[in-house]
Amino acid sequence: MIATYDRDGYDVVYLRDDVESKVASLAEGVHEELVIREVGRDYLEELFEAGALHCSMHRFEEMTAFHFIEGGFTGLFVSIDSDADVPLASFAETCRAQLE
């Protein structure tokens, strides 16, 4: 799944057919969580002293989810199969480029 979001809602850019019903039942809750994460962004940036927060990742049994934060409660959500082997740096840069 690939989706952009803002404070008011989300737009699905790509969705595999086999996960459509699951996404339909979970999307609103995930959207709320992504927006809430923006509130803690400043705290994490200060805590780690490593510059601007660009992305967070959550790895589950069935998928790996990436949250790319743009700011102003906007961003990009990307999920891939948990067994997908992607080069992290180039994958993250490609995803972030979609926000520009």
PDB file of N, CA and C in Angstrom:
ATOM      1  N   MET A   1       0.841  -1.169   0.000  1.00  0.00           N
ATOM      2  CA  MET A   1       0.000   0.000   0.000  1.00  0.00           C
ATOM      3  C   MET A   1       0.888   1.235   0.000  1.00  0.00           C
ATOM      4  N   ILE A   2       0.462   2.223  -0.744  1.00  0.00           N
ATOM      5  CA  ILE A   2       1.095   3.534  -0.717  1.00  0.00           C
ATOM      6  C   ILE A   2      -0.028   4.548  -0.573  1.00  0.00           C
ATOM      7  N   ALA A   3       0.103   5.450   0.399  1.00  0.00           N
ATOM      8  CA  ALA A   3      -0.924   6.470   0.609  1.00  0.00           C
ATOM      9  C   ALA A   3      -0.284   7.762   1.092  1.00  0.00           C
ATOM     10  N   THR A   4      -0.809   8.864   0.612  1.00  0.00           N
ATOM     11  CA  THR A   4      -0.438  10.167   1.148  1.00  0.00           C
ATOM     12  C   THR A   4      -1.520  10.563   2.139  1.00  0.00           C
ATOM     13  N   TYR A   5      -1.173  11.440   3.071  1.00  0.00           N
ATOM     14  CA  TYR A   5      -2.179  11.849   4.048  1.00  0.00           C
ATOM     15  C   TYR A   5      -1.935  13.286   4.482  1.00  0.00           C
ATOM     16  N   ASP A   6      -2.980  13.872   5.023  1.00  0.00           N
ATOM     17  CA  ASP A   6      -2.885  15.151   5.720  1.00  0.00           C
ATOM     18  C   ASP A   6      -3.797  15.052   6.937  1.00  0.00           C
ATOM     19  N   ARG A   7      -3.961  16.152   7.622  1.00  0.00           N
ATOM     20  CA  ARG A   7      -4.748  16.146   8.851  1.00  0.00           C
ATOM     21  C   ARG A   7      -6.187  15.667   8.611  1.00  0.00           C
ATOM     22  N   ASP A   8      -6.736  15.967   7.453  1.00  0.00           N
ATOM     23  CA  ASP A   8      -8.147  15.695   7.185  1.00  0.00           C
ATOM     24  C   ASP A   8      -8.449  14.317   6.616  1.00  0.00           C
ATOM     25  N   GLY A   9      -7.466  13.661   6.031  1.00  0.00           N
ATOM     26  CA  GLY A   9      -7.737  12.365   5.435  1.00  0.00           C
ATOM     27  C   GLY A   9      -6.538  11.815   4.694  1.00  0.00           C
ATOM     28  N   TYR A  10      -6.785  10.818   3.875  1.00  0.00           N
ATOM     29  CA  TYR A  10      -5.708  10.156   3.148  1.00  0.00           C
ATOM     30  C   TYR A  10      -6.166   9.820   1.733  1.00  0.00           C
ATOM     31  N   ASP A  11      -5.202   9.666   0.842  1.00  0.00           N
ATOM     32  CA  ASP A  11      -5.457   9.254  -0.535  1.00  0.00           C
ATOM     33  C   ASP A  11      -4.588   8.047  -0.839  1.00  0.00           C
ATOM     34  N   VAL A  12      -5.221   6.959  -1.196  1.00  0.00           N
ATOM     35  CA  VAL A  12      -4.490   5.749  -1.560  1.00  0.00           C
ATOM     36  C   VAL A  12      -3.932   5.926  -2.969  1.00  0.00           C
ATOM     37  N   VAL A  13      -2.628   5.758  -3.093  1.00  0.00           N
ATOM     38  CA  VAL A  13      -1.947   5.868  -4.379  1.00  0.00           C
ATOM     39  C   VAL A  13      -1.853   4.498  -5.045  1.00  0.00           C
ATOM     40  N   TYR A  14      -1.608   3.473  -4.243  1.00  0.00           N
ATOM     41  CA  TYR A  14      -1.493   2.109  -4.752  1.00  0.00           C
ATOM     42  C   TYR A  14      -1.965   1.152  -3.673  1.00  0.00           C
ATOM     43  N   LEU A  15      -2.732   0.150  -4.086  1.00  0.00           N
ATOM     44  CA  LEU A  15      -3.229  -0.849  -3.143  1.00  0.00           C
ATOM     45  C   LEU A  15      -3.370  -2.180  -3.871  1.00  0.00           C
ATOM     46  N   ARG A  16      -2.731  -3.207  -3.336  1.00  0.00           N
ATOM     47  CA  ARG A  16      -2.881  -4.546  -3.910  1.00  0.00           C
ATOM     48  C   ARG A  16      -4.292  -5.051  -3.642  1.00  0.00           C
ATOM     49  N   ASP A  17      -4.849  -5.779  -4.586  1.00  0.00           N
ATOM     50  CA  ASP A  17      -6.211  -6.299  -4.452  1.00  0.00           C
ATOM     51  C   ASP A  17      -6.376  -7.207  -3.239  1.00  0.00           C
ATOM     52  N   ASP A  18      -5.348  -7.993  -2.920  1.00  0.00           N
ATOM     53  CA  ASP A  18      -5.477  -8.975  -1.847  1.00  0.00           C
ATOM     54  C   ASP A  18      -5.488  -8.367  -0.447  1.00  0.00           C
ATOM     55  N   VAL A  19      -5.234  -7.084  -0.308  1.00  0.00           N
ATOM     56  CA  VAL A  19      -5.277  -6.444   1.017  1.00  0.00           C
ATOM     57  C   VAL A  19      -6.348  -5.357   1.101  1.00  0.00           C
ATOM     58  N   GLU A  20      -7.156  -5.232   0.063  1.00  0.00           N
ATOM     59  CA  GLU A  20      -8.149  -4.165  -0.001  1.00  0.00           C
ATOM     60  C   GLU A  20      -9.123  -4.178   1.177  1.00  0.00           C
ATOM     61  N   SER A  21      -9.673  -5.329   1.534  1.00  0.00           N
ATOM     62  CA  SER A  21     -10.650  -5.374   2.627  1.00  0.00           C
ATOM     63  C   SER A  21      -9.993  -5.092   3.975  1.00  0.00           C
ATOM     64  N   LYS A  22      -8.782  -5.566   4.165  1.00  0.00           N
ATOM     65  CA  LYS A  22      -8.067  -5.305   5.416  1.00  0.00           C
ATOM     66  C   LYS A  22      -7.780  -3.816   5.566  1.00  0.00           C
ATOM     67  N   VAL A  23      -7.336  -3.189   4.500  1.00  0.00           N
ATOM     68  CA  VAL A  23      -7.048  -1.753   4.535  1.00  0.00           C
ATOM     69  C   VAL A  23      -8.319  -0.966   4.813  1.00  0.00           C
ATOM     70  N   ALA A  24      -9.425  -1.365   4.193  1.00  0.00           N
ATOM     71  CA  ALA A  24     -10.687  -0.657   4.399  1.00  0.00           C
ATOM     72  C   ALA A  24     -11.089  -0.652   5.870  1.00  0.00           C
ATOM     73  N   SER A  25     -10.817  -1.733   6.579  1.00  0.00           N
ATOM     74  CA  SER A  25     -11.217  -1.804   7.986  1.00  0.00           C
ATOM     75  C   SER A  25     -10.230  -1.125   8.931  1.00  0.00           C
ATOM     76  N   LEU A  26      -8.986  -0.943   8.514  1.00  0.00           N
ATOM     77  CA  LEU A  26      -7.958  -0.398   9.406  1.00  0.00           C
ATOM     78  C   LEU A  26      -7.499   1.019   9.071  1.00  0.00           C
ATOM     79  N   ALA A  27      -7.803   1.503   7.893  1.00  0.00           N
ATOM     80  CA  ALA A  27      -7.213   2.751   7.391  1.00  0.00           C
ATOM     81  C   ALA A  27      -7.482   3.966   8.270  1.00  0.00           C
ATOM     82  N   GLU A  28      -8.685   4.124   8.771  1.00  0.00           N
ATOM     83  CA  GLU A  28      -8.995   5.306   9.590  1.00  0.00           C
ATOM     84  C   GLU A  28      -8.145   5.339  10.857  1.00  0.00           C
ATOM     85  N   GLY A  29      -8.005   4.210  11.515  1.00  0.00           N
ATOM     86  CA  GLY A  29      -7.186   4.148  12.721  1.00  0.00           C
ATOM     87  C   GLY A  29      -5.721   4.417  12.441  1.00  0.00           C
ATOM     88  N   VAL A  30      -5.221   3.870  11.344  1.00  0.00           N
ATOM     89  CA  VAL A  30      -3.824   4.111  10.961  1.00  0.00           C
ATOM     90  C   VAL A  30      -3.632   5.585  10.636  1.00  0.00           C
ATOM     91  N   HIS A  31      -4.570   6.177   9.916  1.00  0.00           N
ATOM     92  CA  HIS A  31      -4.480   7.605   9.590  1.00  0.00           C
ATOM     93  C   HIS A  31      -4.401   8.448  10.858  1.00  0.00           C
ATOM     94  N   GLU A  32      -5.267   8.185  11.811  1.00  0.00           N
ATOM     95  CA  GLU A  32      -5.238   8.932  13.078  1.00  0.00           C
ATOM     96  C   GLU A  32      -3.888   8.804  13.765  1.00  0.00           C
ATOM     97  N   GLU A  33      -3.328   7.609  13.777  1.00  0.00           N
ATOM     98  CA  GLU A  33      -2.027   7.375  14.409  1.00  0.00           C
ATOM     99  C   GLU A  33      -0.922   8.161  13.715  1.00  0.00           C
ATOM    100  N   LEU A  34      -0.942   8.198  12.387  1.00  0.00           N
ATOM    101  CA  LEU A  34       0.081   8.939  11.649  1.00  0.00           C
ATOM    102  C   LEU A  34       0.022  10.426  11.972  1.00  0.00           C
ATOM    103  N   VAL A  35      -1.173  10.973  12.055  1.00  0.00           N
ATOM    104  CA  VAL A  35      -1.328  12.395  12.384  1.00  0.00           C
ATOM    105  C   VAL A  35      -0.856  12.661  13.810  1.00  0.00           C
ATOM    106  N   ILE A  36      -1.195  11.782  14.742  1.00  0.00           N
ATOM    107  CA  ILE A  36      -0.772  11.943  16.139  1.00  0.00           C
ATOM    108  C   ILE A  36       0.749  11.902  16.251  1.00  0.00           C
ATOM    109  N   ARG A  37       1.397  11.084  15.452  1.00  0.00           N
ATOM    110  CA  ARG A  37       2.869  10.980  15.503  1.00  0.00           C
ATOM    111  C   ARG A  37       3.550  12.314  15.241  1.00  0.00           C
ATOM    112  N   GLU A  38       2.916  13.186  14.475  1.00  0.00           N
ATOM    113  CA  GLU A  38       3.488  14.512  14.197  1.00  0.00           C
ATOM    114  C   GLU A  38       3.698  15.290  15.494  1.00  0.00           C
ATOM    115  N   VAL A  39       2.820  15.090  16.467  1.00  0.00           N
ATOM    116  CA  VAL A  39       2.921  15.805  17.742  1.00  0.00           C
ATOM    117  C   VAL A  39       4.229  15.466  18.453  1.00  0.00           C
ATOM    118  N   GLY A  40       4.674  14.223  18.377  1.00  0.00           N
ATOM    119  CA  GLY A  40       5.896  13.797  19.048  1.00  0.00           C
ATOM    120  C   GLY A  40       7.168  13.992  18.251  1.00  0.00           C
ATOM    121  N   ARG A  41       7.053  14.532  17.076  1.00  0.00           N
ATOM    122  CA  ARG A  41       8.209  14.681  16.196  1.00  0.00           C
ATOM    123  C   ARG A  41       9.298  15.548  16.821  1.00  0.00           C
ATOM    124  N   ASP A  42       8.949  16.715  17.329  1.00  0.00           N
ATOM    125  CA  ASP A  42       9.941  17.613  17.936  1.00  0.00           C
ATOM    126  C   ASP A  42      10.673  16.931  19.085  1.00  0.00           C
ATOM    127  N   TYR A  43       9.924  16.191  19.895  1.00  0.00           N
ATOM    128  CA  TYR A  43      10.528  15.491  21.027  1.00  0.00           C
ATOM    129  C   TYR A  43      11.596  14.504  20.547  1.00  0.00           C
ATOM    130  N   LEU A  44      11.272  13.709  19.535  1.00  0.00           N
ATOM    131  CA  LEU A  44      12.236  12.728  19.029  1.00  0.00           C
ATOM    132  C   LEU A  44      13.460  13.400  18.428  1.00  0.00           C
ATOM    133  N   GLU A  45      13.255  14.484  17.701  1.00  0.00           N
ATOM    134  CA  GLU A  45      14.387  15.198  17.106  1.00  0.00           C
ATOM    135  C   GLU A  45      15.312  15.746  18.184  1.00  0.00           C
ATOM    136  N   GLU A  46      14.743  16.259  19.274  1.00  0.00           N
ATOM    137  CA  GLU A  46      15.564  16.760  20.383  1.00  0.00           C
ATOM    138  C   GLU A  46      16.237  15.617  21.133  1.00  0.00           C
ATOM    139  N   LEU A  47      15.524  14.533  21.338  1.00  0.00           N
ATOM    140  CA  LEU A  47      16.049  13.391  22.078  1.00  0.00           C
ATOM    141  C   LEU A  47      17.268  12.777  21.386  1.00  0.00           C
ATOM    142  N   PHE A  48      17.185  12.569  20.081  1.00  0.00           N
ATOM    143  CA  PHE A  48      18.261  11.904  19.352  1.00  0.00           C
ATOM    144  C   PHE A  48      19.354  12.852  18.872  1.00  0.00           C
ATOM    145  N   GLU A  49      19.075  14.147  18.823  1.00  0.00           N
ATOM    146  CA  GLU A  49      20.049  15.140  18.351  1.00  0.00           C
ATOM    147  C   GLU A  49      20.720  14.686  17.052  1.00  0.00           C
ATOM    148  N   ALA A  50      19.897  14.282  16.083  1.00  0.00           N
ATOM    149  CA  ALA A  50      20.419  13.760  14.818  1.00  0.00           C
ATOM    150  C   ALA A  50      19.796  14.458  13.611  1.00  0.00           C
ATOM    151  N   GLY A  51      19.241  15.630  13.818  1.00  0.00           N
ATOM    152  CA  GLY A  51      18.618  16.361  12.718  1.00  0.00           C
ATOM    153  C   GLY A  51      17.138  16.061  12.607  1.00  0.00           C
ATOM    154  N   ALA A  52      16.588  16.426  11.467  1.00  0.00           N
ATOM    155  CA  ALA A  52      15.151  16.266  11.229  1.00  0.00           C
ATOM    156  C   ALA A  52      14.777  14.790  11.085  1.00  0.00           C
ATOM    157  N   LEU A  53      13.646  14.427  11.675  1.00  0.00           N
ATOM    158  CA  LEU A  53      13.101  13.082  11.535  1.00  0.00           C
ATOM    159  C   LEU A  53      12.467  12.961  10.156  1.00  0.00           C
ATOM    160  N   HIS A  54      12.902  11.990   9.386  1.00  0.00           N
ATOM    161  CA  HIS A  54      12.382  11.801   8.032  1.00  0.00           C
ATOM    162  C   HIS A  54      11.433  10.624   7.939  1.00  0.00           C
ATOM    163  N   CYS A  55      11.713   9.563   8.702  1.00  0.00           N
ATOM    164  CA  CYS A  55      10.976   8.319   8.492  1.00  0.00           C
ATOM    165  C   CYS A  55      10.997   7.473   9.757  1.00  0.00           C
ATOM    166  N   SER A  56       9.917   6.751   9.984  1.00  0.00           N
ATOM    167  CA  SER A  56       9.915   5.720  11.018  1.00  0.00           C
ATOM    168  C   SER A  56       9.474   4.414  10.361  1.00  0.00           C
ATOM    169  N   MET A  57       9.868   3.304  10.965  1.00  0.00           N
ATOM    170  CA  MET A  57       9.580   1.995  10.395  1.00  0.00           C
ATOM    171  C   MET A  57       9.052   1.087  11.493  1.00  0.00           C
ATOM    172  N   HIS A  58       8.046   0.288  11.146  1.00  0.00           N
ATOM    173  CA  HIS A  58       7.502  -0.719  12.059  1.00  0.00           C
ATOM    174  C   HIS A  58       7.469  -2.046  11.306  1.00  0.00           C
ATOM    175  N   ARG A  59       8.152  -3.037  11.859  1.00  0.00           N
ATOM    176  CA  ARG A  59       8.212  -4.345  11.195  1.00  0.00           C
ATOM    177  C   ARG A  59       7.325  -5.322  11.951  1.00  0.00           C
ATOM    178  N   PHE A  60       6.377  -5.893  11.241  1.00  0.00           N
ATOM    179  CA  PHE A  60       5.441  -6.870  11.786  1.00  0.00           C
ATOM    180  C   PHE A  60       5.659  -8.215  11.091  1.00  0.00           C
ATOM    181  N   GLU A  61       4.965  -9.243  11.549  1.00  0.00           N
ATOM    182  CA  GLU A  61       5.087 -10.559  10.917  1.00  0.00           C
ATOM    183  C   GLU A  61       4.700 -10.520   9.445  1.00  0.00           C
ATOM    184  N   GLU A  62       3.634  -9.804   9.117  1.00  0.00           N
ATOM    185  CA  GLU A  62       3.090  -9.831   7.762  1.00  0.00           C
ATOM    186  C   GLU A  62       3.503  -8.657   6.885  1.00  0.00           C
ATOM    187  N   MET A  63       4.013  -7.581   7.482  1.00  0.00           N
ATOM    188  CA  MET A  63       4.383  -6.419   6.676  1.00  0.00           C
ATOM    189  C   MET A  63       5.367  -5.537   7.415  1.00  0.00           C
ATOM    190  N   THR A  64       6.031  -4.691   6.645  1.00  0.00           N
ATOM    191  CA  THR A  64       6.870  -3.637   7.195  1.00  0.00           C
ATOM    192  C   THR A  64       6.250  -2.322   6.738  1.00  0.00           C
ATOM    193  N   ALA A  65       6.008  -1.423   7.689  1.00  0.00           N
ATOM    194  CA  ALA A  65       5.350  -0.151   7.397  1.00  0.00           C
ATOM    195  C   ALA A  65       6.338   0.991   7.586  1.00  0.00           C
ATOM    196  N   PHE A  66       6.338   1.904   6.644  1.00  0.00           N
ATOM    197  CA  PHE A  66       7.199   3.086   6.688  1.00  0.00           C
ATOM    198  C   PHE A  66       6.326   4.331   6.734  1.00  0.00           C
ATOM    199  N   HIS A  67       6.684   5.236   7.619  1.00  0.00           N
ATOM    200  CA  HIS A  67       5.958   6.500   7.752  1.00  0.00           C
ATOM    201  C   HIS A  67       6.937   7.627   7.451  1.00  0.00           C
ATOM    202  N   PHE A  68       6.717   8.309   6.341  1.00  0.00           N
ATOM    203  CA  PHE A  68       7.559   9.424   5.929  1.00  0.00           C
ATOM    204  C   PHE A  68       6.846  10.713   6.297  1.00  0.00           C
ATOM    205  N   ILE A  69       7.453  11.484   7.192  1.00  0.00           N
ATOM    206  CA  ILE A  69       6.832  12.687   7.725  1.00  0.00           C
ATOM    207  C   ILE A  69       7.253  13.890   6.898  1.00  0.00           C
ATOM    208  N   GLU A  70       6.282  14.619   6.395  1.00  0.00           N
ATOM    209  CA  GLU A  70       6.564  15.821   5.621  1.00  0.00           C
ATOM    210  C   GLU A  70       6.513  17.059   6.504  1.00  0.00           C
ATOM    211  N   GLY A  71       5.646  17.076   7.481  1.00  0.00           N
ATOM    212  CA  GLY A  71       5.453  18.243   8.338  1.00  0.00           C
ATOM    213  C   GLY A  71       4.080  18.823   8.107  1.00  0.00           C
ATOM    214  N   GLY A  72       3.610  19.618   9.055  1.00  0.00           N
ATOM    215  CA  GLY A  72       2.274  20.175   8.915  1.00  0.00           C
ATOM    216  C   GLY A  72       1.206  19.099   8.871  1.00  0.00           C
ATOM    217  N   PHE A  73       1.467  17.986   9.567  1.00  0.00           N
ATOM    218  CA  PHE A  73       0.538  16.861   9.636  1.00  0.00           C
ATOM    219  C   PHE A  73       0.273  16.240   8.263  1.00  0.00           C
ATOM    220  N   THR A  74       1.308  16.190   7.429  1.00  0.00           N
ATOM    221  CA  THR A  74       1.210  15.535   6.126  1.00  0.00           C
ATOM    222  C   THR A  74       2.351  14.536   5.986  1.00  0.00           C
ATOM    223  N   GLY A  75       2.165  13.566   5.115  1.00  0.00           N
ATOM    224  CA  GLY A  75       3.227  12.605   4.900  1.00  0.00           C
ATOM    225  C   GLY A  75       2.833  11.502   3.944  1.00  0.00           C
ATOM    226  N   LEU A  76       3.623  10.451   3.967  1.00  0.00           N
ATOM    227  CA  LEU A  76       3.460   9.310   3.077  1.00  0.00           C
ATOM    228  C   LEU A  76       3.556   8.041   3.914  1.00  0.00           C
ATOM    229  N   PHE A  77       2.662   7.095   3.645  1.00  0.00           N
ATOM    230  CA  PHE A  77       2.671   5.800   4.306  1.00  0.00           C
ATOM    231  C   PHE A  77       2.902   4.745   3.238  1.00  0.00           C
ATOM    232  N   VAL A  78       3.879   3.869   3.474  1.00  0.00           N
ATOM    233  CA  VAL A  78       4.197   2.797   2.528  1.00  0.00           C
ATOM    234  C   VAL A  78       4.322   1.500   3.312  1.00  0.00           C
ATOM    235  N   SER A  79       3.662   0.457   2.841  1.00  0.00           N
ATOM    236  CA  SER A  79       3.838  -0.853   3.464  1.00  0.00           C
ATOM    237  C   SER A  79       4.284  -1.844   2.399  1.00  0.00           C
ATOM    238  N   ILE A  80       5.151  -2.750   2.816  1.00  0.00           N
ATOM    239  CA  ILE A  80       5.659  -3.795   1.930  1.00  0.00           C
ATOM    240  C   ILE A  80       5.590  -5.119   2.673  1.00  0.00           C
ATOM    241  N   ASP A  81       5.646  -6.214   1.940  1.00  0.00           N
ATOM    242  CA  ASP A  81       5.670  -7.529   2.577  1.00  0.00           C
ATOM    243  C   ASP A  81       6.887  -7.626   3.483  1.00  0.00           C
ATOM    244  N   SER A  82       6.736  -8.311   4.598  1.00  0.00           N
ATOM    245  CA  SER A  82       7.829  -8.388   5.569  1.00  0.00           C
ATOM    246  C   SER A  82       9.051  -9.117   5.030  1.00  0.00           C
ATOM    247  N   ASP A  83       8.865  -9.951   4.024  1.00  0.00           N
ATOM    248  CA  ASP A  83      10.019 -10.666   3.468  1.00  0.00           C
ATOM    249  C   ASP A  83      10.651  -9.943   2.275  1.00  0.00           C
ATOM    250  N   ALA A  84      10.157  -8.755   1.940  1.00  0.00           N
ATOM    251  CA  ALA A  84      10.754  -7.980   0.843  1.00  0.00           C
ATOM    252  C   ALA A  84      12.131  -7.491   1.273  1.00  0.00           C
ATOM    253  N   ASP A  85      13.096  -7.681   0.414  1.00  0.00           N
ATOM    254  CA  ASP A  85      14.471  -7.283   0.710  1.00  0.00           C
ATOM    255  C   ASP A  85      14.797  -6.046  -0.122  1.00  0.00           C
ATOM    256  N   VAL A  86      14.679  -4.884   0.503  1.00  0.00           N
ATOM    257  CA  VAL A  86      14.909  -3.626  -0.218  1.00  0.00           C
ATOM    258  C   VAL A  86      16.117  -2.906   0.381  1.00  0.00           C
ATOM    259  N   PRO A  87      16.914  -2.253  -0.462  1.00  0.00           N
ATOM    260  CA  PRO A  87      18.028  -1.444   0.055  1.00  0.00           C
ATOM    261  C   PRO A  87      17.447  -0.202   0.738  1.00  0.00           C
ATOM    262  N   LEU A  88      17.603  -0.127   2.037  1.00  0.00           N
ATOM    263  CA  LEU A  88      16.903   0.863   2.851  1.00  0.00           C
ATOM    264  C   LEU A  88      17.172   2.303   2.441  1.00  0.00           C
ATOM    265  N   ALA A  89      18.411   2.679   2.234  1.00  0.00           N
ATOM    266  CA  ALA A  89      18.729   4.080   1.931  1.00  0.00           C
ATOM    267  C   ALA A  89      18.088   4.530   0.626  1.00  0.00           C
ATOM    268  N   SER A  90      18.236   3.756  -0.432  1.00  0.00           N
ATOM    269  CA  SER A  90      17.657   4.171  -1.717  1.00  0.00           C
ATOM    270  C   SER A  90      16.135   4.081  -1.697  1.00  0.00           C
ATOM    271  N   PHE A  91      15.579   3.099  -1.000  1.00  0.00           N
ATOM    272  CA  PHE A  91      14.128   2.989  -0.859  1.00  0.00           C
ATOM    273  C   PHE A  91      13.576   4.223  -0.152  1.00  0.00           C
ATOM    274  N   ALA A  92      14.207   4.607   0.957  1.00  0.00           N
ATOM    275  CA  ALA A  92      13.746   5.769   1.721  1.00  0.00           C
ATOM    276  C   ALA A  92      13.846   7.049   0.902  1.00  0.00           C
ATOM    277  N   GLU A  93      14.919   7.222   0.170  1.00  0.00           N
ATOM    278  CA  GLU A  93      15.074   8.432  -0.651  1.00  0.00           C
ATOM    279  C   GLU A  93      14.048   8.478  -1.778  1.00  0.00           C
ATOM    280  N   THR A  94      13.767   7.337  -2.385  1.00  0.00           N
ATOM    281  CA  THR A  94      12.754   7.288  -3.440  1.00  0.00           C
ATOM    282  C   THR A  94      11.387   7.663  -2.886  1.00  0.00           C
ATOM    283  N   CYS A  95      11.058   7.141  -1.719  1.00  0.00           N
ATOM    284  CA  CYS A  95       9.772   7.470  -1.095  1.00  0.00           C
ATOM    285  C   CYS A  95       9.706   8.942  -0.712  1.00  0.00           C
ATOM    286  N   ARG A  96      10.748   9.459  -0.091  1.00  0.00           N
ATOM    287  CA  ARG A  96      10.755  10.872   0.312  1.00  0.00           C
ATOM    288  C   ARG A  96      10.646  11.801  -0.887  1.00  0.00           C
ATOM    289  N   ALA A  97      11.207  11.399  -2.012  1.00  0.00           N
ATOM    290  CA  ALA A  97      11.131  12.224  -3.220  1.00  0.00           C
ATOM    291  C   ALA A  97       9.686  12.406  -3.677  1.00  0.00           C
ATOM    292  N   GLN A  98       8.823  11.462  -3.341  1.00  0.00           N
ATOM    293  CA  GLN A  98       7.410  11.575  -3.713  1.00  0.00           C
ATOM    294  C   GLN A  98       6.702  12.688  -2.953  1.00  0.00           C
ATOM    295  N   LEU A  99       7.279  13.120  -1.857  1.00  0.00           N
ATOM    296  CA  LEU A  99       6.678  14.191  -1.056  1.00  0.00           C
ATOM    297  C   LEU A  99       7.048  15.572  -1.571  1.00  0.00           C
ATOM    298  N   GLU A 100       8.044  15.643  -2.419  1.00  0.00           N
ATOM    299  CA  GLU A 100       8.520  16.949  -2.911  1.00  0.00           C
ATOM    300  C   GLU A 100       7.732  17.437  -4.099  1.00  0.00           C
TER     301      GLU A 100
END
